[in-house]
Amino acid sequence: MQRVKRAIISDIHGNLEGLEAVLADIESQEISEIYCLGDIIGYGPNPRECIDQMMKVDVCILGNHDQGALFDPEGFRSGAERAIFWTRDQLEGVNGGPEAARRWKFLAELPRNHLEENRLFVHGSPRNPLNEYVFPEDIYNPQKFEKLFNLIHGVCFVGHTHIPGVLTESRSFLKPGDISYQYELGQGKALINVGSVGQPRDGDPRSCYVVLEDNGVTYRRVPYPFEETMAKIHDIPELDNVLGDRLREGQ
């Protein structure tokens, strides 16, 4: 029986430099499948190129920024909203055409979740796959925590917060560094945030993703030339400079 080794990535946010670095790292790991948990676009300067790369992966989930580009970006802050409108213009291109239609069709057909036996893959949470954030401090919110874990039958992989780590059934949050970047499944229910490729927010500017093999999850941190992405963002008036500046700090 052939062993399946999966890379699970999320929250690329139009950051082509981060994505290319992660894809190169994935290739070096002899990964057999790639899953993406959404937010391919939004914030970053290369939405078309990032969508084109994600069309090649094995499973891709709809994120809230992906949906925002398709419909109205409700609930977005002003900077994120302006980025979505700019992203729409980039996807449409000068005259639209078959490439634009192909990208829009891809986004429109993305599912909100993906289930494989007792493993659920979503962007936000098992309760609200698109928009609900699950933060580390939710371990102190018993009502929310119980409702989320009642919907998990084994393990749920998420993104959305851009903060990597494992929430366990015993109501603890395990940072990747605290567990030597590895977590063994089968220790009860778990909600695993895979981190962000294009906009990390845990104080580490390196891209983050996980490798799932057998019953083990390994976190990978990948450096990339974020200064190049920052410069691109700064050169686009419609994108707030803060969207580039935060890449340096990983915040």
C-alpha atoms as a PDB file:
ATOM      1  CA  MET A   1       0.000   0.000   0.000  1.00  0.00           C
ATOM      2  CA  GLN A   2       1.434   3.342  -1.048  1.00  0.00           C
ATOM      3  CA  ARG A   3       1.843   5.847   1.758  1.00  0.00           C
ATOM      4  CA  VAL A   4       0.186   9.205   1.163  1.00  0.00           C
ATOM      5  CA  LYS A   5       2.156  12.236   2.248  1.00  0.00           C
ATOM      6  CA  ARG A   6       0.098  15.430   2.109  1.00  0.00           C
ATOM      7  CA  ALA A   7       1.044  19.069   2.372  1.00  0.00           C
ATOM      8  CA  ILE A   8      -1.716  21.247   3.833  1.00  0.00           C
ATOM      9  CA  ILE A   9      -1.371  24.946   3.093  1.00  0.00           C
ATOM     10  CA  SER A  10      -3.621  27.943   3.708  1.00  0.00           C
ATOM     11  CA  ASP A  11      -3.955  31.716   3.496  1.00  0.00           C
ATOM     12  CA  ILE A  12      -1.702  32.481   0.547  1.00  0.00           C
ATOM     13  CA  HIS A  13      -3.274  35.914   0.078  1.00  0.00           C
ATOM     14  CA  GLY A  14      -1.756  36.696  -3.286  1.00  0.00           C
ATOM     15  CA  ASN A  15       1.806  36.355  -1.969  1.00  0.00           C
ATOM     16  CA  LEU A  16       3.584  34.692  -4.871  1.00  0.00           C
ATOM     17  CA  GLU A  17       7.053  34.791  -3.304  1.00  0.00           C
ATOM     18  CA  GLY A  18       5.804  32.972  -0.206  1.00  0.00           C
ATOM     19  CA  LEU A  19       3.876  30.457  -2.283  1.00  0.00           C
ATOM     20  CA  GLU A  20       6.797  29.677  -4.581  1.00  0.00           C
ATOM     21  CA  ALA A  21       9.088  29.130  -1.586  1.00  0.00           C
ATOM     22  CA  VAL A  22       6.562  26.774   0.016  1.00  0.00           C
ATOM     23  CA  LEU A  23       5.988  24.858  -3.214  1.00  0.00           C
ATOM     24  CA  ALA A  24       9.745  24.405  -3.570  1.00  0.00           C
ATOM     25  CA  ASP A  25       9.917  23.106   0.002  1.00  0.00           C
ATOM     26  CA  ILE A  26       6.989  20.778  -0.689  1.00  0.00           C
ATOM     27  CA  GLU A  27       8.802  19.379  -3.705  1.00  0.00           C
ATOM     28  CA  SER A  28      11.867  18.689  -1.572  1.00  0.00           C
ATOM     29  CA  GLN A  29       9.692  16.726   0.892  1.00  0.00           C
ATOM     30  CA  GLU A  30       8.461  14.282  -1.784  1.00  0.00           C
ATOM     31  CA  ILE A  31       4.845  15.209  -1.124  1.00  0.00           C
ATOM     32  CA  SER A  32       2.241  13.198  -3.010  1.00  0.00           C
ATOM     33  CA  GLU A  33      -0.764  15.508  -2.540  1.00  0.00           C
ATOM     34  CA  ILE A  34      -1.366  19.188  -1.772  1.00  0.00           C
ATOM     35  CA  TYR A  35      -4.471  20.488   0.002  1.00  0.00           C
ATOM     36  CA  CYS A  36      -5.239  24.208   0.255  1.00  0.00           C
ATOM     37  CA  LEU A  37      -7.606  25.557   2.927  1.00  0.00           C
ATOM     38  CA  GLY A  38      -8.511  28.757   1.138  1.00  0.00           C
ATOM     39  CA  ASP A  39      -7.813  32.480   0.986  1.00  0.00           C
ATOM     40  CA  ILE A  40      -5.723  32.154  -2.135  1.00  0.00           C
ATOM     41  CA  ILE A  41      -6.263  35.857  -2.768  1.00  0.00           C
ATOM     42  CA  GLY A  42      -6.832  39.124  -0.906  1.00  0.00           C
ATOM     43  CA  TYR A  43      -4.192  41.497   0.521  1.00  0.00           C
ATOM     44  CA  GLY A  44      -1.361  40.444  -1.808  1.00  0.00           C
ATOM     45  CA  PRO A  45      -0.121  41.656  -5.201  1.00  0.00           C
ATOM     46  CA  ASN A  46      -0.250  38.479  -7.314  1.00  0.00           C
ATOM     47  CA  PRO A  47      -3.785  37.023  -7.224  1.00  0.00           C
ATOM     48  CA  ARG A  48      -3.777  35.658 -10.775  1.00  0.00           C
ATOM     49  CA  GLU A  49      -0.513  33.769 -10.413  1.00  0.00           C
ATOM     50  CA  CYS A  50      -1.525  32.279  -7.059  1.00  0.00           C
ATOM     51  CA  ILE A  51      -4.878  31.084  -8.384  1.00  0.00           C
ATOM     52  CA  ASP A  52      -3.139  29.493 -11.368  1.00  0.00           C
ATOM     53  CA  GLN A  53      -0.883  27.536  -9.001  1.00  0.00           C
ATOM     54  CA  MET A  54      -3.807  26.390  -6.833  1.00  0.00           C
ATOM     55  CA  MET A  55      -5.662  25.076  -9.868  1.00  0.00           C
ATOM     56  CA  LYS A  56      -3.038  22.319  -9.910  1.00  0.00           C
ATOM     57  CA  VAL A  57      -3.498  21.069  -6.319  1.00  0.00           C
ATOM     58  CA  ASP A  58      -5.484  18.007  -5.287  1.00  0.00           C
ATOM     59  CA  VAL A  59      -8.016  19.680  -2.975  1.00  0.00           C
ATOM     60  CA  CYS A  60      -8.800  23.366  -2.535  1.00  0.00           C
ATOM     61  CA  ILE A  61     -11.322  24.889  -0.112  1.00  0.00           C
ATOM     62  CA  LEU A  62     -13.106  28.239  -0.374  1.00  0.00           C
ATOM     63  CA  GLY A  63     -11.842  30.975   1.952  1.00  0.00           C
ATOM     64  CA  ASN A  64     -13.641  34.144   3.034  1.00  0.00           C
ATOM     65  CA  HIS A  65     -11.423  36.381   0.875  1.00  0.00           C
ATOM     66  CA  ASP A  66     -12.028  34.113  -2.107  1.00  0.00           C
ATOM     67  CA  GLN A  67     -15.750  34.465  -1.496  1.00  0.00           C
ATOM     68  CA  GLY A  68     -15.343  38.214  -1.012  1.00  0.00           C
ATOM     69  CA  ALA A  69     -13.923  38.489  -4.512  1.00  0.00           C
ATOM     70  CA  LEU A  70     -16.874  36.548  -5.898  1.00  0.00           C
ATOM     71  CA  PHE A  71     -19.563  38.458  -3.996  1.00  0.00           C
ATOM     72  CA  ASP A  72     -19.735  41.478  -1.691  1.00  0.00           C
ATOM     73  CA  PRO A  73     -16.890  41.615   0.889  1.00  0.00           C
ATOM     74  CA  GLU A  74     -19.208  41.982   3.875  1.00  0.00           C
ATOM     75  CA  GLY A  75     -17.577  42.452   7.251  1.00  0.00           C
ATOM     76  CA  PHE A  76     -14.159  43.323   5.822  1.00  0.00           C
ATOM     77  CA  ARG A  77     -12.190  46.230   7.206  1.00  0.00           C
ATOM     78  CA  SER A  78     -11.558  49.107   4.827  1.00  0.00           C
ATOM     79  CA  GLY A  79      -8.020  48.041   3.834  1.00  0.00           C
ATOM     80  CA  ALA A  80      -9.084  44.464   3.196  1.00  0.00           C
ATOM     81  CA  GLU A  81     -12.149  45.637   1.293  1.00  0.00           C
ATOM     82  CA  ARG A  82     -10.104  47.899  -0.989  1.00  0.00           C
ATOM     83  CA  ALA A  83      -7.726  45.006  -1.582  1.00  0.00           C
ATOM     84  CA  ILE A  84     -10.645  42.799  -2.618  1.00  0.00           C
ATOM     85  CA  PHE A  85     -11.921  45.375  -5.134  1.00  0.00           C
ATOM     86  CA  TRP A  86      -8.401  45.738  -6.566  1.00  0.00           C
ATOM     87  CA  THR A  87      -8.097  41.946  -6.712  1.00  0.00           C
ATOM     88  CA  ARG A  88     -11.337  41.739  -8.689  1.00  0.00           C
ATOM     89  CA  ASP A  89      -9.931  44.156 -11.240  1.00  0.00           C
ATOM     90  CA  GLN A  90      -6.773  42.060 -11.542  1.00  0.00           C
ATOM     91  CA  LEU A  91      -8.749  38.870 -12.065  1.00  0.00           C
ATOM     92  CA  GLU A  92     -10.931  40.474 -14.688  1.00  0.00           C
ATOM     93  CA  GLY A  93      -7.959  41.899 -16.587  1.00  0.00           C
ATOM     94  CA  VAL A  94      -8.169  44.488 -19.329  1.00  0.00           C
ATOM     95  CA  ASN A  95     -10.661  42.650 -21.493  1.00  0.00           C
ATOM     96  CA  GLY A  96     -11.612  39.597 -19.458  1.00  0.00           C
ATOM     97  CA  GLY A  97     -11.230  36.696 -21.833  1.00  0.00           C
ATOM     98  CA  PRO A  98     -10.874  32.924 -21.348  1.00  0.00           C
ATOM     99  CA  GLU A  99      -8.167  33.123 -18.663  1.00  0.00           C
ATOM    100  CA  ALA A 100     -10.302  35.430 -16.523  1.00  0.00           C
ATOM    101  CA  ALA A 101     -13.328  33.160 -17.022  1.00  0.00           C
ATOM    102  CA  ARG A 102     -11.284  30.125 -16.059  1.00  0.00           C
ATOM    103  CA  ARG A 103     -10.137  31.720 -12.799  1.00  0.00           C
ATOM    104  CA  TRP A 104     -13.607  32.930 -11.851  1.00  0.00           C
ATOM    105  CA  LYS A 105     -15.044  29.476 -12.571  1.00  0.00           C
ATOM    106  CA  PHE A 106     -12.395  27.861 -10.385  1.00  0.00           C
ATOM    107  CA  LEU A 107     -13.187  30.165  -7.448  1.00  0.00           C
ATOM    108  CA  ALA A 108     -16.938  29.767  -7.889  1.00  0.00           C
ATOM    109  CA  GLU A 109     -16.721  25.966  -7.745  1.00  0.00           C
ATOM    110  CA  LEU A 110     -14.579  25.713  -4.605  1.00  0.00           C
ATOM    111  CA  PRO A 111     -16.297  23.717  -1.831  1.00  0.00           C
ATOM    112  CA  ARG A 112     -16.725  25.035   1.717  1.00  0.00           C
ATOM    113  CA  ASN A 113     -15.313  21.887   3.279  1.00  0.00           C
ATOM    114  CA  HIS A 114     -13.736  18.541   2.496  1.00  0.00           C
ATOM    115  CA  LEU A 115     -14.262  15.405   4.594  1.00  0.00           C
ATOM    116  CA  GLU A 116     -12.228  12.200   4.579  1.00  0.00           C
ATOM    117  CA  GLU A 117     -13.464   9.721   7.179  1.00  0.00           C
ATOM    118  CA  ASN A 118     -12.701  11.444  10.506  1.00  0.00           C
ATOM    119  CA  ARG A 119     -10.609  14.253   9.012  1.00  0.00           C
ATOM    120  CA  LEU A 120     -12.345  17.522   8.185  1.00  0.00           C
ATOM    121  CA  PHE A 121     -10.717  20.298   6.164  1.00  0.00           C
ATOM    122  CA  VAL A 122     -12.182  23.830   6.318  1.00  0.00           C
ATOM    123  CA  HIS A 123     -10.984  27.410   6.176  1.00  0.00           C
ATOM    124  CA  GLY A 124     -12.500  28.862   9.341  1.00  0.00           C
ATOM    125  CA  SER A 125     -14.066  26.369  11.745  1.00  0.00           C
ATOM    126  CA  PRO A 126     -16.209  23.214  11.725  1.00  0.00           C
ATOM    127  CA  ARG A 127     -19.178  25.367  12.769  1.00  0.00           C
ATOM    128  CA  ASN A 128     -18.721  28.145  10.217  1.00  0.00           C
ATOM    129  CA  PRO A 129     -16.322  26.974   7.489  1.00  0.00           C
ATOM    130  CA  LEU A 130     -15.832  30.434   5.979  1.00  0.00           C
ATOM    131  CA  ASN A 131     -15.917  33.110   8.640  1.00  0.00           C
ATOM    132  CA  GLU A 132     -15.496  31.864  12.203  1.00  0.00           C
ATOM    133  CA  TYR A 133     -12.099  32.432  13.774  1.00  0.00           C
ATOM    134  CA  VAL A 134     -10.724  29.908  16.254  1.00  0.00           C
ATOM    135  CA  PHE A 135      -8.106  31.678  18.343  1.00  0.00           C
ATOM    136  CA  PRO A 136      -5.691  30.181  20.896  1.00  0.00           C
ATOM    137  CA  GLU A 137      -7.508  32.057  23.686  1.00  0.00           C
ATOM    138  CA  ASP A 138     -10.713  30.189  22.851  1.00  0.00           C
ATOM    139  CA  ILE A 139      -9.511  27.536  25.264  1.00  0.00           C
ATOM    140  CA  TYR A 140     -10.913  29.920  27.901  1.00  0.00           C
ATOM    141  CA  ASN A 141     -14.338  30.013  26.245  1.00  0.00           C
ATOM    142  CA  PRO A 142     -15.933  26.713  27.345  1.00  0.00           C
ATOM    143  CA  GLN A 143     -19.213  27.235  25.497  1.00  0.00           C
ATOM    144  CA  LYS A 144     -17.595  27.945  22.137  1.00  0.00           C
ATOM    145  CA  PHE A 145     -14.995  25.247  22.647  1.00  0.00           C
ATOM    146  CA  GLU A 146     -17.592  22.588  23.437  1.00  0.00           C
ATOM    147  CA  LYS A 147     -19.722  23.478  20.416  1.00  0.00           C
ATOM    148  CA  LEU A 148     -16.738  23.330  18.089  1.00  0.00           C
ATOM    149  CA  PHE A 149     -15.455  20.002  19.374  1.00  0.00           C
ATOM    150  CA  ASN A 150     -18.921  18.442  19.257  1.00  0.00           C
ATOM    151  CA  LEU A 151     -18.678  18.892  15.485  1.00  0.00           C
ATOM    152  CA  ILE A 152     -15.264  17.210  15.238  1.00  0.00           C
ATOM    153  CA  HIS A 153     -15.154  13.428  14.965  1.00  0.00           C
ATOM    154  CA  GLY A 154     -11.388  13.122  14.804  1.00  0.00           C
ATOM    155  CA  VAL A 155      -9.278  16.004  13.587  1.00  0.00           C
ATOM    156  CA  CYS A 156     -10.171  19.253  11.854  1.00  0.00           C
ATOM    157  CA  PHE A 157      -7.599  21.219   9.844  1.00  0.00           C
ATOM    158  CA  VAL A 158      -8.171  24.991   9.606  1.00  0.00           C
ATOM    159  CA  GLY A 159      -6.484  28.256   8.654  1.00  0.00           C
ATOM    160  CA  HIS A 160      -8.078  31.743   8.762  1.00  0.00           C
ATOM    161  CA  THR A 161      -6.354  33.159  11.885  1.00  0.00           C
ATOM    162  CA  HIS A 162      -2.860  32.707  10.387  1.00  0.00           C
ATOM    163  CA  ILE A 163      -1.737  31.460  13.821  1.00  0.00           C
ATOM    164  CA  PRO A 164      -0.364  27.894  13.708  1.00  0.00           C
ATOM    165  CA  GLY A 165      -0.941  25.468  16.540  1.00  0.00           C
ATOM    166  CA  VAL A 166      -3.010  22.590  17.892  1.00  0.00           C
ATOM    167  CA  LEU A 167      -6.111  22.940  20.040  1.00  0.00           C
ATOM    168  CA  THR A 168      -6.719  19.708  21.912  1.00  0.00           C
ATOM    169  CA  GLU A 169      -9.844  18.170  23.376  1.00  0.00           C
ATOM    170  CA  SER A 170      -8.406  18.783  26.851  1.00  0.00           C
ATOM    171  CA  ARG A 171      -8.679  22.521  26.132  1.00  0.00           C
ATOM    172  CA  SER A 172      -5.044  23.360  25.570  1.00  0.00           C
ATOM    173  CA  PHE A 173      -3.279  25.215  22.756  1.00  0.00           C
ATOM    174  CA  LEU A 174       0.050  23.797  21.639  1.00  0.00           C
ATOM    175  CA  LYS A 175       2.376  26.125  19.753  1.00  0.00           C
ATOM    176  CA  PRO A 176       4.479  24.372  17.113  1.00  0.00           C
ATOM    177  CA  GLY A 177       7.724  25.261  18.895  1.00  0.00           C
ATOM    178  CA  ASP A 178       6.431  23.781  22.140  1.00  0.00           C
ATOM    179  CA  ILE A 179       5.890  20.373  20.528  1.00  0.00           C
ATOM    180  CA  SER A 180       9.091  20.310  18.455  1.00  0.00           C
ATOM    181  CA  TYR A 181       6.958  21.103  15.386  1.00  0.00           C
ATOM    182  CA  GLN A 182       5.355  17.658  15.479  1.00  0.00           C
ATOM    183  CA  TYR A 183       1.996  16.362  16.672  1.00  0.00           C
ATOM    184  CA  GLU A 184       0.790  12.766  16.759  1.00  0.00           C
ATOM    185  CA  LEU A 185      -2.842  12.191  15.880  1.00  0.00           C
ATOM    186  CA  GLY A 186      -4.967   9.694  17.759  1.00  0.00           C
ATOM    187  CA  GLN A 187      -4.645  11.432  21.129  1.00  0.00           C
ATOM    188  CA  GLY A 188      -8.292  12.479  21.054  1.00  0.00           C
ATOM    189  CA  LYS A 189     -10.003  15.130  19.008  1.00  0.00           C
ATOM    190  CA  ALA A 190      -7.865  18.000  17.743  1.00  0.00           C
ATOM    191  CA  LEU A 191      -8.274  21.198  15.786  1.00  0.00           C
ATOM    192  CA  ILE A 192      -5.070  21.949  13.887  1.00  0.00           C
ATOM    193  CA  ASN A 193      -4.349  25.386  12.479  1.00  0.00           C
ATOM    194  CA  VAL A 194      -1.828  24.983   9.673  1.00  0.00           C
ATOM    195  CA  GLY A 195      -0.699  28.630   9.700  1.00  0.00           C
ATOM    196  CA  SER A 196      -0.298  30.924   6.708  1.00  0.00           C
ATOM    197  CA  VAL A 197       1.787  30.798   3.562  1.00  0.00           C
ATOM    198  CA  GLY A 198       1.405  34.450   2.638  1.00  0.00           C
ATOM    199  CA  GLN A 199       0.796  36.417   5.830  1.00  0.00           C
ATOM    200  CA  PRO A 200       1.990  34.736   9.064  1.00  0.00           C
ATOM    201  CA  ARG A 201       0.721  36.364  12.264  1.00  0.00           C
ATOM    202  CA  ASP A 202       2.568  34.567  15.041  1.00  0.00           C
ATOM    203  CA  GLY A 203       5.608  36.834  15.129  1.00  0.00           C
ATOM    204  CA  ASP A 204       7.572  34.705  12.671  1.00  0.00           C
ATOM    205  CA  PRO A 205       7.765  36.124   9.116  1.00  0.00           C
ATOM    206  CA  ARG A 206       8.498  32.729   7.561  1.00  0.00           C
ATOM    207  CA  SER A 207       5.730  30.973   5.659  1.00  0.00           C
ATOM    208  CA  CYS A 208       4.077  28.098   7.501  1.00  0.00           C
ATOM    209  CA  TYR A 209       2.346  24.895   6.438  1.00  0.00           C
ATOM    210  CA  VAL A 210       2.019  21.310   7.670  1.00  0.00           C
ATOM    211  CA  VAL A 211       2.867  17.875   6.324  1.00  0.00           C
ATOM    212  CA  LEU A 212       0.406  15.089   7.151  1.00  0.00           C
ATOM    213  CA  GLU A 213       1.809  11.570   6.934  1.00  0.00           C
ATOM    214  CA  ASP A 214       0.240   8.469   8.473  1.00  0.00           C
ATOM    215  CA  ASN A 215      -0.892   9.713  11.904  1.00  0.00           C
ATOM    216  CA  GLY A 216       1.638  12.483  12.333  1.00  0.00           C
ATOM    217  CA  VAL A 217       1.606  16.192  11.545  1.00  0.00           C
ATOM    218  CA  THR A 218       4.815  18.163  11.050  1.00  0.00           C
ATOM    219  CA  TYR A 219       4.973  21.949  10.898  1.00  0.00           C
ATOM    220  CA  ARG A 220       7.291  23.475   8.310  1.00  0.00           C
ATOM    221  CA  ARG A 221       8.604  27.074   8.385  1.00  0.00           C
ATOM    222  CA  VAL A 222       9.953  28.373   5.099  1.00  0.00           C
ATOM    223  CA  PRO A 223      11.840  31.670   4.635  1.00  0.00           C
ATOM    224  CA  TYR A 224      11.062  33.707   1.540  1.00  0.00           C
ATOM    225  CA  PRO A 225      12.086  37.153   0.205  1.00  0.00           C
ATOM    226  CA  PHE A 226       9.274  39.093   1.844  1.00  0.00           C
ATOM    227  CA  GLU A 227      10.961  42.380   0.929  1.00  0.00           C
ATOM    228  CA  GLU A 228      10.041  41.688  -2.701  1.00  0.00           C
ATOM    229  CA  THR A 229       6.386  41.198  -1.783  1.00  0.00           C
ATOM    230  CA  MET A 230       6.474  44.318   0.388  1.00  0.00           C
ATOM    231  CA  ALA A 231       7.873  46.403  -2.468  1.00  0.00           C
ATOM    232  CA  LYS A 232       5.150  45.195  -4.823  1.00  0.00           C
ATOM    233  CA  ILE A 233       2.435  46.130  -2.326  1.00  0.00           C
ATOM    234  CA  HIS A 234       3.970  49.546  -1.691  1.00  0.00           C
ATOM    235  CA  ASP A 235       3.930  50.200  -5.441  1.00  0.00           C
ATOM    236  CA  ILE A 236       0.168  49.575  -5.697  1.00  0.00           C
ATOM    237  CA  PRO A 237      -1.830  52.599  -4.474  1.00  0.00           C
ATOM    238  CA  GLU A 238      -4.981  50.538  -3.932  1.00  0.00           C
ATOM    239  CA  LEU A 239      -3.196  48.291  -1.406  1.00  0.00           C
ATOM    240  CA  ASP A 240      -2.465  49.725   2.041  1.00  0.00           C
ATOM    241  CA  ASN A 241       1.225  49.852   2.897  1.00  0.00           C
ATOM    242  CA  VAL A 242       0.480  48.071   6.180  1.00  0.00           C
ATOM    243  CA  LEU A 243      -0.354  44.936   4.195  1.00  0.00           C
ATOM    244  CA  GLY A 244       3.280  44.876   3.126  1.00  0.00           C
ATOM    245  CA  ASP A 245       4.836  46.206   6.345  1.00  0.00           C
ATOM    246  CA  ARG A 246       3.288  43.459   8.466  1.00  0.00           C
ATOM    247  CA  LEU A 247       5.102  40.784   6.451  1.00  0.00           C
ATOM    248  CA  ARG A 248       8.412  41.831   7.997  1.00  0.00           C
ATOM    249  CA  GLU A 249       7.138  41.306  11.540  1.00  0.00           C
ATOM    250  CA  GLY A 250       4.934  38.304  10.907  1.00  0.00           C
ATOM    251  CA  GLN A 251       1.951  40.126  12.399  1.00  0.00           C
END
